[in-house]
């Protein structure tokens, strides 16, 4: 498979990335807010939806792929419903959402199964 590289400039673009990351799994230690670099980064194992479609939905052909998520110009990060001390805790990413603020600012939320964000 050729590497898939996506970039988002607006909420619509982010929804495409969210679709590709739907049901991705990662551990808490696989996420980092790099304050001095104003960056949030995460490494996930995403379900390859396009591969599943090409395989005709046959279960034995389902695969996961490593995927990096990088968000630039981050001025802060908050956690809700997650215990950051549980570094090995596995999370299932449901979606990414964008809430507009004063242009060009806004808030991106990573929503996890079980209510964490």
PDB file of N, CA and C in Angstrom:
ATOM      1  N   UNK A   1       0.837  -1.184   0.000  1.00  0.00           N
ATOM      2  CA  UNK A   1       0.000   0.000   0.000  1.00  0.00           C
ATOM      3  C   UNK A   1       0.880   1.245   0.000  1.00  0.00           C
ATOM      4  N   UNK A   2       0.480   2.221  -0.758  1.00  0.00           N
ATOM      5  CA  UNK A   2       1.154   3.509  -0.764  1.00  0.00           C
ATOM      6  C   UNK A   2       0.774   4.255   0.504  1.00  0.00           C
ATOM      7  N   UNK A   3       1.736   4.960   1.083  1.00  0.00           N
ATOM      8  CA  UNK A   3       1.447   5.740   2.288  1.00  0.00           C
ATOM      9  C   UNK A   3       0.365   6.760   1.998  1.00  0.00           C
ATOM     10  N   UNK A   4      -0.540   6.909   2.942  1.00  0.00           N
ATOM     11  CA  UNK A   4      -1.624   7.878   2.846  1.00  0.00           C
ATOM     12  C   UNK A   4      -1.233   9.092   3.670  1.00  0.00           C
ATOM     13  N   UNK A   5      -1.240  10.261   3.050  1.00  0.00           N
ATOM     14  CA  UNK A   5      -0.901  11.499   3.758  1.00  0.00           C
ATOM     15  C   UNK A   5      -2.042  12.480   3.560  1.00  0.00           C
ATOM     16  N   UNK A   6      -2.605  12.945   4.664  1.00  0.00           N
ATOM     17  CA  UNK A   6      -3.724  13.875   4.628  1.00  0.00           C
ATOM     18  C   UNK A   6      -3.384  15.109   5.436  1.00  0.00           C
ATOM     19  N   UNK A   7      -3.944  16.248   5.031  1.00  0.00           N
ATOM     20  CA  UNK A   7      -3.763  17.493   5.770  1.00  0.00           C
ATOM     21  C   UNK A   7      -5.123  18.181   5.842  1.00  0.00           C
ATOM     22  N   UNK A   8      -5.378  18.843   6.958  1.00  0.00           N
ATOM     23  CA  UNK A   8      -6.656  19.541   7.132  1.00  0.00           C
ATOM     24  C   UNK A   8      -6.422  21.030   7.322  1.00  0.00           C
ATOM     25  N   UNK A   9      -7.205  21.819   6.597  1.00  0.00           N
ATOM     26  CA  UNK A   9      -7.171  23.271   6.736  1.00  0.00           C
ATOM     27  C   UNK A   9      -8.477  23.817   7.301  1.00  0.00           C
ATOM     28  N   UNK A  10      -9.518  22.974   7.327  1.00  0.00           N
ATOM     29  CA  UNK A  10     -10.809  23.417   7.846  1.00  0.00           C
ATOM     30  C   UNK A  10     -11.569  22.216   8.405  1.00  0.00           C
ATOM     31  N   UNK A  11     -12.765  22.473   8.920  1.00  0.00           N
ATOM     32  CA  UNK A  11     -13.557  21.420   9.560  1.00  0.00           C
ATOM     33  C   UNK A  11     -13.912  20.306   8.583  1.00  0.00           C
ATOM     34  N   UNK A  12     -14.180  20.659   7.343  1.00  0.00           N
ATOM     35  CA  UNK A  12     -14.521  19.641   6.345  1.00  0.00           C
ATOM     36  C   UNK A  12     -13.334  18.713   6.093  1.00  0.00           C
ATOM     37  N   UNK A  13     -12.145  19.287   5.967  1.00  0.00           N
ATOM     38  CA  UNK A  13     -10.939  18.471   5.798  1.00  0.00           C
ATOM     39  C   UNK A  13     -10.725  17.562   7.006  1.00  0.00           C
ATOM     40  N   UNK A  14     -10.958  18.108   8.199  1.00  0.00           N
ATOM     41  CA  UNK A  14     -10.760  17.324   9.418  1.00  0.00           C
ATOM     42  C   UNK A  14     -11.720  16.141   9.464  1.00  0.00           C
ATOM     43  N   UNK A  15     -12.914  16.301   8.906  1.00  0.00           N
ATOM     44  CA  UNK A  15     -13.869  15.191   8.904  1.00  0.00           C
ATOM     45  C   UNK A  15     -13.356  14.026   8.056  1.00  0.00           C
ATOM     46  N   UNK A  16     -12.573  14.310   7.023  1.00  0.00           N
ATOM     47  CA  UNK A  16     -11.972  13.245   6.213  1.00  0.00           C
ATOM     48  C   UNK A  16     -10.928  12.495   7.043  1.00  0.00           C
ATOM     49  N   UNK A  17     -10.105  13.230   7.761  1.00  0.00           N
ATOM     50  CA  UNK A  17      -9.109  12.598   8.633  1.00  0.00           C
ATOM     51  C   UNK A  17      -9.809  11.793   9.719  1.00  0.00           C
ATOM     52  N   UNK A  18     -10.879  12.348  10.286  1.00  0.00           N
ATOM     53  CA  UNK A  18     -11.638  11.640  11.323  1.00  0.00           C
ATOM     54  C   UNK A  18     -12.176  10.317  10.796  1.00  0.00           C
ATOM     55  N   UNK A  19     -12.643  10.306   9.557  1.00  0.00           N
ATOM     56  CA  UNK A  19     -13.165   9.067   8.971  1.00  0.00           C
ATOM     57  C   UNK A  19     -12.071   8.010   8.863  1.00  0.00           C
ATOM     58  N   UNK A  20     -10.870   8.423   8.498  1.00  0.00           N
ATOM     59  CA  UNK A  20      -9.763   7.468   8.380  1.00  0.00           C
ATOM     60  C   UNK A  20      -9.274   6.992   9.748  1.00  0.00           C
ATOM     61  N   UNK A  21      -9.431   7.817  10.771  1.00  0.00           N
ATOM     62  CA  UNK A  21      -8.973   7.439  12.114  1.00  0.00           C
ATOM     63  C   UNK A  21     -10.066   6.798  12.968  1.00  0.00           C
ATOM     64  N   UNK A  22     -11.286   6.724  12.435  1.00  0.00           N
ATOM     65  CA  UNK A  22     -12.375   6.108  13.194  1.00  0.00           C
ATOM     66  C   UNK A  22     -11.986   4.694  13.612  1.00  0.00           C
ATOM     67  N   UNK A  23     -12.181   4.395  14.883  1.00  0.00           N
ATOM     68  CA  UNK A  23     -11.858   3.089  15.479  1.00  0.00           C
ATOM     69  C   UNK A  23     -10.360   2.823  15.600  1.00  0.00           C
ATOM     70  N   UNK A  24      -9.540   3.850  15.477  1.00  0.00           N
ATOM     71  CA  UNK A  24      -8.104   3.680  15.720  1.00  0.00           C
ATOM     72  C   UNK A  24      -7.889   3.395  17.204  1.00  0.00           C
ATOM     73  N   UNK A  25      -6.880   2.613  17.512  1.00  0.00           N
ATOM     74  CA  UNK A  25      -6.541   2.333  18.909  1.00  0.00           C
ATOM     75  C   UNK A  25      -5.145   2.873  19.199  1.00  0.00           C
ATOM     76  N   UNK A  26      -4.973   3.301  20.436  1.00  0.00           N
ATOM     77  CA  UNK A  26      -3.690   3.821  20.889  1.00  0.00           C
ATOM     78  C   UNK A  26      -3.648   3.754  22.401  1.00  0.00           C
ATOM     79  N   UNK A  27      -2.461   3.872  22.949  1.00  0.00           N
ATOM     80  CA  UNK A  27      -2.297   3.938  24.397  1.00  0.00           C
ATOM     81  C   UNK A  27      -2.129   5.396  24.799  1.00  0.00           C
ATOM     82  N   UNK A  28      -2.386   5.672  26.044  1.00  0.00           N
ATOM     83  CA  UNK A  28      -2.219   7.039  26.540  1.00  0.00           C
ATOM     84  C   UNK A  28      -0.793   7.514  26.295  1.00  0.00           C
ATOM     85  N   UNK A  29       0.183   6.627  26.469  1.00  0.00           N
ATOM     86  CA  UNK A  29       1.576   7.033  26.265  1.00  0.00           C
ATOM     87  C   UNK A  29       1.908   7.310  24.797  1.00  0.00           C
ATOM     88  N   UNK A  30       0.992   7.007  23.895  1.00  0.00           N
ATOM     89  CA  UNK A  30       1.207   7.270  22.474  1.00  0.00           C
ATOM     90  C   UNK A  30       0.769   8.676  22.062  1.00  0.00           C
ATOM     91  N   UNK A  31       0.350   9.488  23.045  1.00  0.00           N
ATOM     92  CA  UNK A  31      -0.070  10.864  22.775  1.00  0.00           C
ATOM     93  C   UNK A  31       0.823  11.821  23.545  1.00  0.00           C
ATOM     94  N   UNK A  32       1.078  12.991  22.958  1.00  0.00           N
ATOM     95  CA  UNK A  32       1.906  13.985  23.646  1.00  0.00           C
ATOM     96  C   UNK A  32       1.517  15.394  23.213  1.00  0.00           C
ATOM     97  N   UNK A  33       1.441  16.291  24.198  1.00  0.00           N
ATOM     98  CA  UNK A  33       1.306  17.719  23.922  1.00  0.00           C
ATOM     99  C   UNK A  33       2.681  18.319  24.135  1.00  0.00           C
ATOM    100  N   UNK A  34       3.270  18.812  23.069  1.00  0.00           N
ATOM    101  CA  UNK A  34       4.612  19.390  23.111  1.00  0.00           C
ATOM    102  C   UNK A  34       4.456  20.905  23.190  1.00  0.00           C
ATOM    103  N   UNK A  35       4.338  21.402  24.412  1.00  0.00           N
ATOM    104  CA  UNK A  35       4.007  22.807  24.647  1.00  0.00           C
ATOM    105  C   UNK A  35       4.977  23.765  23.971  1.00  0.00           C
ATOM    106  N   UNK A  36       6.275  23.533  24.122  1.00  0.00           N
ATOM    107  CA  UNK A  36       7.263  24.463  23.557  1.00  0.00           C
ATOM    108  C   UNK A  36       7.220  24.491  22.025  1.00  0.00           C
ATOM    109  N   UNK A  37       6.753  23.401  21.417  1.00  0.00           N
ATOM    110  CA  UNK A  37       6.645  23.337  19.959  1.00  0.00           C
ATOM    111  C   UNK A  37       5.238  23.669  19.471  1.00  0.00           C
ATOM    112  N   UNK A  38       4.326  23.882  20.430  1.00  0.00           N
ATOM    113  CA  UNK A  38       2.918  24.150  20.123  1.00  0.00           C
ATOM    114  C   UNK A  38       2.347  23.063  19.207  1.00  0.00           C
ATOM    115  N   UNK A  39       2.569  21.808  19.624  1.00  0.00           N
ATOM    116  CA  UNK A  39       2.182  20.668  18.795  1.00  0.00           C
ATOM    117  C   UNK A  39       1.566  19.573  19.665  1.00  0.00           C
ATOM    118  N   UNK A  40       0.556  18.922  19.118  1.00  0.00           N
ATOM    119  CA  UNK A  40       0.012  17.701  19.703  1.00  0.00           C
ATOM    120  C   UNK A  40       0.320  16.590  18.716  1.00  0.00           C
ATOM    121  N   UNK A  41       0.791  15.459  19.225  1.00  0.00           N
ATOM    122  CA  UNK A  41       1.118  14.335  18.349  1.00  0.00           C
ATOM    123  C   UNK A  41       0.607  13.038  18.958  1.00  0.00           C
ATOM    124  N   UNK A  42       0.212  12.128  18.088  1.00  0.00           N
ATOM    125  CA  UNK A  42      -0.244  10.811  18.534  1.00  0.00           C
ATOM    126  C   UNK A  42       0.117   9.785  17.467  1.00  0.00           C
ATOM    127  N   UNK A  43       0.381   8.574  17.918  1.00  0.00           N
ATOM    128  CA  UNK A  43       0.622   7.448  17.020  1.00  0.00           C
ATOM    129  C   UNK A  43      -0.472   6.436  17.296  1.00  0.00           C
ATOM    130  N   UNK A  44      -1.181   6.048  16.237  1.00  0.00           N
ATOM    131  CA  UNK A  44      -2.316   5.140  16.390  1.00  0.00           C
ATOM    132  C   UNK A  44      -2.143   3.908  15.512  1.00  0.00           C
ATOM    133  N   UNK A  45      -3.009   2.951  15.750  1.00  0.00           N
ATOM    134  CA  UNK A  45      -3.186   1.810  14.858  1.00  0.00           C
ATOM    135  C   UNK A  45      -4.607   1.940  14.329  1.00  0.00           C
ATOM    136  N   UNK A  46      -4.720   2.372  13.074  1.00  0.00           N
ATOM    137  CA  UNK A  46      -6.044   2.638  12.534  1.00  0.00           C
ATOM    138  C   UNK A  46      -6.547   1.453  11.723  1.00  0.00           C
ATOM    139  N   UNK A  47      -7.849   1.284  11.734  1.00  0.00           N
ATOM    140  CA  UNK A  47      -8.491   0.291  10.884  1.00  0.00           C
ATOM    141  C   UNK A  47      -8.459   0.825   9.459  1.00  0.00           C
ATOM    142  N   UNK A  48      -8.030   0.020   8.517  1.00  0.00           N
ATOM    143  CA  UNK A  48      -7.938   0.464   7.122  1.00  0.00           C
ATOM    144  C   UNK A  48      -9.277   0.228   6.428  1.00  0.00           C
ATOM    145  N   UNK A  49     -10.114   1.262   6.473  1.00  0.00           N
ATOM    146  CA  UNK A  49     -11.463   1.169   5.903  1.00  0.00           C
ATOM    147  C   UNK A  49     -11.426   0.950   4.393  1.00  0.00           C
ATOM    148  N   UNK A  50     -10.513   1.597   3.693  1.00  0.00           N
ATOM    149  CA  UNK A  50     -10.466   1.446   2.237  1.00  0.00           C
ATOM    150  C   UNK A  50     -10.036   0.028   1.855  1.00  0.00           C
ATOM    151  N   UNK A  51      -9.117  -0.547   2.600  1.00  0.00           N
ATOM    152  CA  UNK A  51      -8.694  -1.929   2.337  1.00  0.00           C
ATOM    153  C   UNK A  51      -9.854  -2.887   2.577  1.00  0.00           C
ATOM    154  N   UNK A  52     -10.625  -2.651   3.630  1.00  0.00           N
ATOM    155  CA  UNK A  52     -11.785  -3.499   3.929  1.00  0.00           C
ATOM    156  C   UNK A  52     -12.802  -3.437   2.795  1.00  0.00           C
ATOM    157  N   UNK A  53     -13.024  -2.245   2.249  1.00  0.00           N
ATOM    158  CA  UNK A  53     -13.976  -2.093   1.144  1.00  0.00           C
ATOM    159  C   UNK A  53     -13.484  -2.839  -0.091  1.00  0.00           C
ATOM    160  N   UNK A  54     -12.193  -2.724  -0.372  1.00  0.00           N
ATOM    161  CA  UNK A  54     -11.614  -3.416  -1.529  1.00  0.00           C
ATOM    162  C   UNK A  54     -11.677  -4.928  -1.357  1.00  0.00           C
ATOM    163  N   UNK A  55     -11.593  -5.398  -0.118  1.00  0.00           N
ATOM    164  CA  UNK A  55     -11.617  -6.834   0.166  1.00  0.00           C
ATOM    165  C   UNK A  55     -13.037  -7.382   0.194  1.00  0.00           C
ATOM    166  N   UNK A  56     -14.012  -6.525  -0.032  1.00  0.00           N
ATOM    167  CA  UNK A  56     -15.396  -6.981  -0.049  1.00  0.00           C
ATOM    168  C   UNK A  56     -15.960  -7.270   1.325  1.00  0.00           C
ATOM    169  N   UNK A  57     -15.347  -6.727   2.359  1.00  0.00           N
ATOM    170  CA  UNK A  57     -15.861  -6.896   3.714  1.00  0.00           C
ATOM    171  C   UNK A  57     -15.589  -8.254   4.334  1.00  0.00           C
ATOM    172  N   UNK A  58     -14.694  -9.029   3.748  1.00  0.00           N
ATOM    173  CA  UNK A  58     -14.370 -10.347   4.310  1.00  0.00           C
ATOM    174  C   UNK A  58     -13.443 -10.168   5.507  1.00  0.00           C
ATOM    175  N   UNK A  59     -13.855 -10.658   6.676  1.00  0.00           N
ATOM    176  CA  UNK A  59     -13.168 -10.434   7.944  1.00  0.00           C
ATOM    177  C   UNK A  59     -11.692 -10.766   7.969  1.00  0.00           C
ATOM    178  N   UNK A  60     -11.287 -11.807   7.305  1.00  0.00           N
ATOM    179  CA  UNK A  60      -9.871 -12.196   7.376  1.00  0.00           C
ATOM    180  C   UNK A  60      -8.968 -11.220   6.621  1.00  0.00           C
ATOM    181  N   UNK A  61      -9.563 -10.335   5.854  1.00  0.00           N
ATOM    182  CA  UNK A  61      -8.778  -9.357   5.107  1.00  0.00           C
ATOM    183  C   UNK A  61      -8.714  -8.003   5.793  1.00  0.00           C
ATOM    184  N   UNK A  62      -9.261  -7.902   7.005  1.00  0.00           N
ATOM    185  CA  UNK A  62      -9.212  -6.636   7.728  1.00  0.00           C
ATOM    186  C   UNK A  62      -7.799  -6.412   8.248  1.00  0.00           C
ATOM    187  N   UNK A  63      -7.322  -5.178   8.123  1.00  0.00           N
ATOM    188  CA  UNK A  63      -5.977  -4.852   8.591  1.00  0.00           C
ATOM    189  C   UNK A  63      -5.986  -3.523   9.338  1.00  0.00           C
ATOM    190  N   UNK A  64      -4.982  -3.354  10.172  1.00  0.00           N
ATOM    191  CA  UNK A  64      -4.733  -2.080  10.835  1.00  0.00           C
ATOM    192  C   UNK A  64      -3.407  -1.542  10.312  1.00  0.00           C
ATOM    193  N   UNK A  65      -3.317  -0.240  10.274  1.00  0.00           N
ATOM    194  CA  UNK A  65      -2.100   0.413   9.805  1.00  0.00           C
ATOM    195  C   UNK A  65      -1.655   1.428  10.842  1.00  0.00           C
ATOM    196  N   UNK A  66      -0.352   1.589  10.991  1.00  0.00           N
ATOM    197  CA  UNK A  66       0.186   2.628  11.876  1.00  0.00           C
ATOM    198  C   UNK A  66      -0.121   3.978  11.248  1.00  0.00           C
ATOM    199  N   UNK A  67      -0.528   4.915  12.086  1.00  0.00           N
ATOM    200  CA  UNK A  67      -0.851   6.252  11.583  1.00  0.00           C
ATOM    201  C   UNK A  67      -0.418   7.292  12.600  1.00  0.00           C
ATOM    202  N   UNK A  68       0.190   8.339  12.105  1.00  0.00           N
ATOM    203  CA  UNK A  68       0.576   9.458  12.952  1.00  0.00           C
ATOM    204  C   UNK A  68      -0.419  10.593  12.788  1.00  0.00           C
ATOM    205  N   UNK A  69      -0.704  11.259  13.881  1.00  0.00           N
ATOM    206  CA  UNK A  69      -1.565  12.440  13.868  1.00  0.00           C
ATOM    207  C   UNK A  69      -0.758  13.582  14.457  1.00  0.00           C
ATOM    208  N   UNK A  70      -0.679  14.682  13.730  1.00  0.00           N
ATOM    209  CA  UNK A  70       0.067  15.847  14.207  1.00  0.00           C
ATOM    210  C   UNK A  70      -0.817  17.073  14.035  1.00  0.00           C
ATOM    211  N   UNK A  71      -0.977  17.809  15.120  1.00  0.00           N
ATOM    212  CA  UNK A  71      -1.764  19.038  15.094  1.00  0.00           C
ATOM    213  C   UNK A  71      -0.834  20.171  15.482  1.00  0.00           C
ATOM    214  N   UNK A  72      -0.724  21.161  14.620  1.00  0.00           N
ATOM    215  CA  UNK A  72       0.188  22.288  14.824  1.00  0.00           C
ATOM    216  C   UNK A  72      -0.547  23.493  15.402  1.00  0.00           C
ATOM    217  N   UNK A  73       0.228  24.432  15.946  1.00  0.00           N
ATOM    218  CA  UNK A  73      -0.266  25.695  16.505  1.00  0.00           C
ATOM    219  C   UNK A  73      -1.222  25.472  17.671  1.00  0.00           C
ATOM    220  N   UNK A  74      -0.913  24.478  18.482  1.00  0.00           N
ATOM    221  CA  UNK A  74      -1.737  24.149  19.648  1.00  0.00           C
ATOM    222  C   UNK A  74      -1.312  25.036  20.812  1.00  0.00           C
ATOM    223  N   UNK A  75      -2.256  25.749  21.388  1.00  0.00           N
ATOM    224  CA  UNK A  75      -1.935  26.659  22.495  1.00  0.00           C
ATOM    225  C   UNK A  75      -2.249  26.055  23.858  1.00  0.00           C
ATOM    226  N   UNK A  76      -2.954  24.934  23.880  1.00  0.00           N
ATOM    227  CA  UNK A  76      -3.263  24.290  25.150  1.00  0.00           C
ATOM    228  C   UNK A  76      -3.915  22.945  24.904  1.00  0.00           C
ATOM    229  N   UNK A  77      -3.905  22.119  25.929  1.00  0.00           N
ATOM    230  CA  UNK A  77      -4.532  20.802  25.840  1.00  0.00           C
ATOM    231  C   UNK A  77      -5.211  20.492  27.166  1.00  0.00           C
ATOM    232  N   UNK A  78      -6.394  19.898  27.090  1.00  0.00           N
ATOM    233  CA  UNK A  78      -7.141  19.501  28.284  1.00  0.00           C
ATOM    234  C   UNK A  78      -7.538  18.043  28.139  1.00  0.00           C
ATOM    235  N   UNK A  79      -7.696  17.393  29.280  1.00  0.00           N
ATOM    236  CA  UNK A  79      -8.080  15.989  29.314  1.00  0.00           C
ATOM    237  C   UNK A  79      -9.363  15.858  30.116  1.00  0.00           C
ATOM    238  N   UNK A  80     -10.260  15.022  29.623  1.00  0.00           N
ATOM    239  CA  UNK A  80     -11.516  14.768  30.331  1.00  0.00           C
ATOM    240  C   UNK A  80     -11.785  13.267  30.338  1.00  0.00           C
ATOM    241  N   UNK A  81     -11.953  12.701  31.506  1.00  0.00           N
ATOM    242  CA  UNK A  81     -12.328  11.301  31.619  1.00  0.00           C
ATOM    243  C   UNK A  81     -11.226  10.304  31.324  1.00  0.00           C
ATOM    244  N   UNK A  82      -9.979  10.737  31.307  1.00  0.00           N
ATOM    245  CA  UNK A  82      -8.842   9.844  31.098  1.00  0.00           C
ATOM    246  C   UNK A  82      -7.860  10.021  32.242  1.00  0.00           C
ATOM    247  N   UNK A  83      -7.276   8.922  32.698  1.00  0.00           N
ATOM    248  CA  UNK A  83      -6.259   8.971  33.744  1.00  0.00           C
ATOM    249  C   UNK A  83      -4.891   8.879  33.072  1.00  0.00           C
ATOM    250  N   UNK A  84      -4.201  10.006  32.978  1.00  0.00           N
ATOM    251  CA  UNK A  84      -2.915  10.042  32.278  1.00  0.00           C
ATOM    252  C   UNK A  84      -1.841   9.201  32.953  1.00  0.00           C
ATOM    253  N   UNK A  85      -2.052   8.834  34.212  1.00  0.00           N
ATOM    254  CA  UNK A  85      -1.088   7.981  34.913  1.00  0.00           C
ATOM    255  C   UNK A  85      -1.143   6.540  34.399  1.00  0.00           C
ATOM    256  N   UNK A  86      -2.232   6.165  33.760  1.00  0.00           N
ATOM    257  CA  UNK A  86      -2.390   4.807  33.212  1.00  0.00           C
ATOM    258  C   UNK A  86      -1.851   4.780  31.784  1.00  0.00           C
ATOM    259  N   UNK A  87      -0.546   4.888  31.675  1.00  0.00           N
ATOM    260  CA  UNK A  87       0.125   5.030  30.379  1.00  0.00           C
ATOM    261  C   UNK A  87      -0.164   3.892  29.401  1.00  0.00           C
ATOM    262  N   UNK A  88      -0.383   2.668  29.914  1.00  0.00           N
ATOM    263  CA  UNK A  88      -0.633   1.517  29.046  1.00  0.00           C
ATOM    264  C   UNK A  88      -2.104   1.332  28.689  1.00  0.00           C
ATOM    265  N   UNK A  89      -2.973   2.195  29.209  1.00  0.00           N
ATOM    266  CA  UNK A  89      -4.398   2.054  28.923  1.00  0.00           C
ATOM    267  C   UNK A  89      -4.641   2.212  27.425  1.00  0.00           C
ATOM    268  N   UNK A  90      -5.370   1.257  26.858  1.00  0.00           N
ATOM    269  CA  UNK A  90      -5.678   1.294  25.433  1.00  0.00           C
ATOM    270  C   UNK A  90      -6.970   2.069  25.229  1.00  0.00           C
ATOM    271  N   UNK A  91      -6.919   3.010  24.297  1.00  0.00           N
ATOM    272  CA  UNK A  91      -8.065   3.851  23.979  1.00  0.00           C
ATOM    273  C   UNK A  91      -8.534   3.552  22.562  1.00  0.00           C
ATOM    274  N   UNK A  92      -9.833   3.687  22.354  1.00  0.00           N
ATOM    275  CA  UNK A  92     -10.409   3.539  21.025  1.00  0.00           C
ATOM    276  C   UNK A  92     -10.945   4.895  20.589  1.00  0.00           C
ATOM    277  N   UNK A  93     -10.353   5.445  19.549  1.00  0.00           N
ATOM    278  CA  UNK A  93     -10.733   6.765  19.057  1.00  0.00           C
ATOM    279  C   UNK A  93     -12.011   6.655  18.234  1.00  0.00           C
ATOM    280  N   UNK A  94     -13.032   7.375  18.655  1.00  0.00           N
ATOM    281  CA  UNK A  94     -14.293   7.359  17.919  1.00  0.00           C
ATOM    282  C   UNK A  94     -14.288   8.380  16.793  1.00  0.00           C
ATOM    283  N   UNK A  95     -13.855   9.602  17.106  1.00  0.00           N
ATOM    284  CA  UNK A  95     -13.851  10.647  16.087  1.00  0.00           C
ATOM    285  C   UNK A  95     -13.026  11.848  16.530  1.00  0.00           C
ATOM    286  N   UNK A  96     -12.798  12.744  15.608  1.00  0.00           N
ATOM    287  CA  UNK A  96     -12.204  14.058  15.860  1.00  0.00           C
ATOM    288  C   UNK A  96     -13.258  15.084  15.471  1.00  0.00           C
ATOM    289  N   UNK A  97     -13.420  16.110  16.287  1.00  0.00           N
ATOM    290  CA  UNK A  97     -14.358  17.176  15.936  1.00  0.00           C
ATOM    291  C   UNK A  97     -13.668  18.525  16.058  1.00  0.00           C
ATOM    292  N   UNK A  98     -14.208  19.502  15.348  1.00  0.00           N
ATOM    293  CA  UNK A  98     -13.672  20.860  15.376  1.00  0.00           C
ATOM    294  C   UNK A  98     -14.784  21.824  15.748  1.00  0.00           C
ATOM    295  N   UNK A  99     -14.501  22.655  16.744  1.00  0.00           N
ATOM    296  CA  UNK A  99     -15.429  23.702  17.169  1.00  0.00           C
ATOM    297  C   UNK A  99     -14.754  25.037  16.879  1.00  0.00           C
ATOM    298  N   UNK A 100     -15.386  25.836  16.026  1.00  0.00           N
ATOM    299  CA  UNK A 100     -14.786  27.112  15.628  1.00  0.00           C
ATOM    300  C   UNK A 100     -14.721  28.095  16.779  1.00  0.00           C
ATOM    301  N   UNK A 101     -13.656  28.877  16.780  1.00  0.00           N
ATOM    302  CA  UNK A 101     -13.485  29.995  17.694  1.00  0.00           C
ATOM    303  C   UNK A 101     -13.284  31.242  16.854  1.00  0.00           C
ATOM    304  N   UNK A 102     -12.613  32.244  17.407  1.00  0.00           N
ATOM    305  CA  UNK A 102     -12.277  33.425  16.618  1.00  0.00           C
ATOM    306  C   UNK A 102     -11.272  33.005  15.550  1.00  0.00           C
ATOM    307  N   UNK A 103     -11.622  33.233  14.290  1.00  0.00           N
ATOM    308  CA  UNK A 103     -10.781  32.786  13.175  1.00  0.00           C
ATOM    309  C   UNK A 103      -9.344  33.267  13.354  1.00  0.00           C
ATOM    310  N   UNK A 104      -8.365  32.445  13.102  1.00  0.00           N
ATOM    311  CA  UNK A 104      -8.456  31.074  12.609  1.00  0.00           C
ATOM    312  C   UNK A 104      -8.459  30.032  13.726  1.00  0.00           C
ATOM    313  N   UNK A 105      -8.768  30.450  14.930  1.00  0.00           N
ATOM    314  CA  UNK A 105      -8.691  29.542  16.074  1.00  0.00           C
ATOM    315  C   UNK A 105      -9.909  28.635  16.169  1.00  0.00           C
ATOM    316  N   UNK A 106      -9.744  27.602  16.979  1.00  0.00           N
ATOM    317  CA  UNK A 106     -10.825  26.669  17.234  1.00  0.00           C
ATOM    318  C   UNK A 106     -10.352  25.600  18.191  1.00  0.00           C
ATOM    319  N   UNK A 107     -11.235  24.650  18.456  1.00  0.00           N
ATOM    320  CA  UNK A 107     -10.920  23.569  19.390  1.00  0.00           C
ATOM    321  C   UNK A 107     -11.144  22.234  18.690  1.00  0.00           C
ATOM    322  N   UNK A 108     -10.114  21.400  18.706  1.00  0.00           N
ATOM    323  CA  UNK A 108     -10.225  20.043  18.181  1.00  0.00           C
ATOM    324  C   UNK A 108     -10.376  19.112  19.371  1.00  0.00           C
ATOM    325  N   UNK A 109     -11.373  18.242  19.296  1.00  0.00           N
ATOM    326  CA  UNK A 109     -11.608  17.266  20.358  1.00  0.00           C
ATOM    327  C   UNK A 109     -11.423  15.864  19.804  1.00  0.00           C
ATOM    328  N   UNK A 110     -10.646  15.055  20.512  1.00  0.00           N
ATOM    329  CA  UNK A 110     -10.510  13.641  20.205  1.00  0.00           C
ATOM    330  C   UNK A 110     -11.457  12.915  21.147  1.00  0.00           C
ATOM    331  N   UNK A 111     -12.484  12.280  20.615  1.00  0.00           N
ATOM    332  CA  UNK A 111     -13.481  11.584  21.431  1.00  0.00           C
ATOM    333  C   UNK A 111     -13.173  10.090  21.443  1.00  0.00           C
ATOM    334  N   UNK A 112     -13.078   9.540  22.657  1.00  0.00           N
ATOM    335  CA  UNK A 112     -12.746   8.128  22.826  1.00  0.00           C
ATOM    336  C   UNK A 112     -13.939   7.346  23.362  1.00  0.00           C
ATOM    337  N   UNK A 113     -13.984   6.058  23.070  1.00  0.00           N
ATOM    338  CA  UNK A 113     -15.016   5.190  23.623  1.00  0.00           C
ATOM    339  C   UNK A 113     -14.939   5.247  25.143  1.00  0.00           C
ATOM    340  N   UNK A 114     -16.074   5.209  25.798  1.00  0.00           N
ATOM    341  CA  UNK A 114     -16.107   5.283  27.250  1.00  0.00           C
ATOM    342  C   UNK A 114     -16.231   6.701  27.764  1.00  0.00           C
ATOM    343  N   UNK A 115     -16.279   7.679  26.868  1.00  0.00           N
ATOM    344  CA  UNK A 115     -16.513   9.058  27.274  1.00  0.00           C
ATOM    345  C   UNK A 115     -15.286   9.921  27.468  1.00  0.00           C
ATOM    346  N   UNK A 116     -14.105   9.381  27.298  1.00  0.00           N
ATOM    347  CA  UNK A 116     -12.899  10.197  27.466  1.00  0.00           C
ATOM    348  C   UNK A 116     -12.685  11.130  26.285  1.00  0.00           C
ATOM    349  N   UNK A 117     -11.976  12.221  26.560  1.00  0.00           N
ATOM    350  CA  UNK A 117     -11.657  13.178  25.489  1.00  0.00           C
ATOM    351  C   UNK A 117     -10.346  13.867  25.822  1.00  0.00           C
TER     352      UNK A 117
END
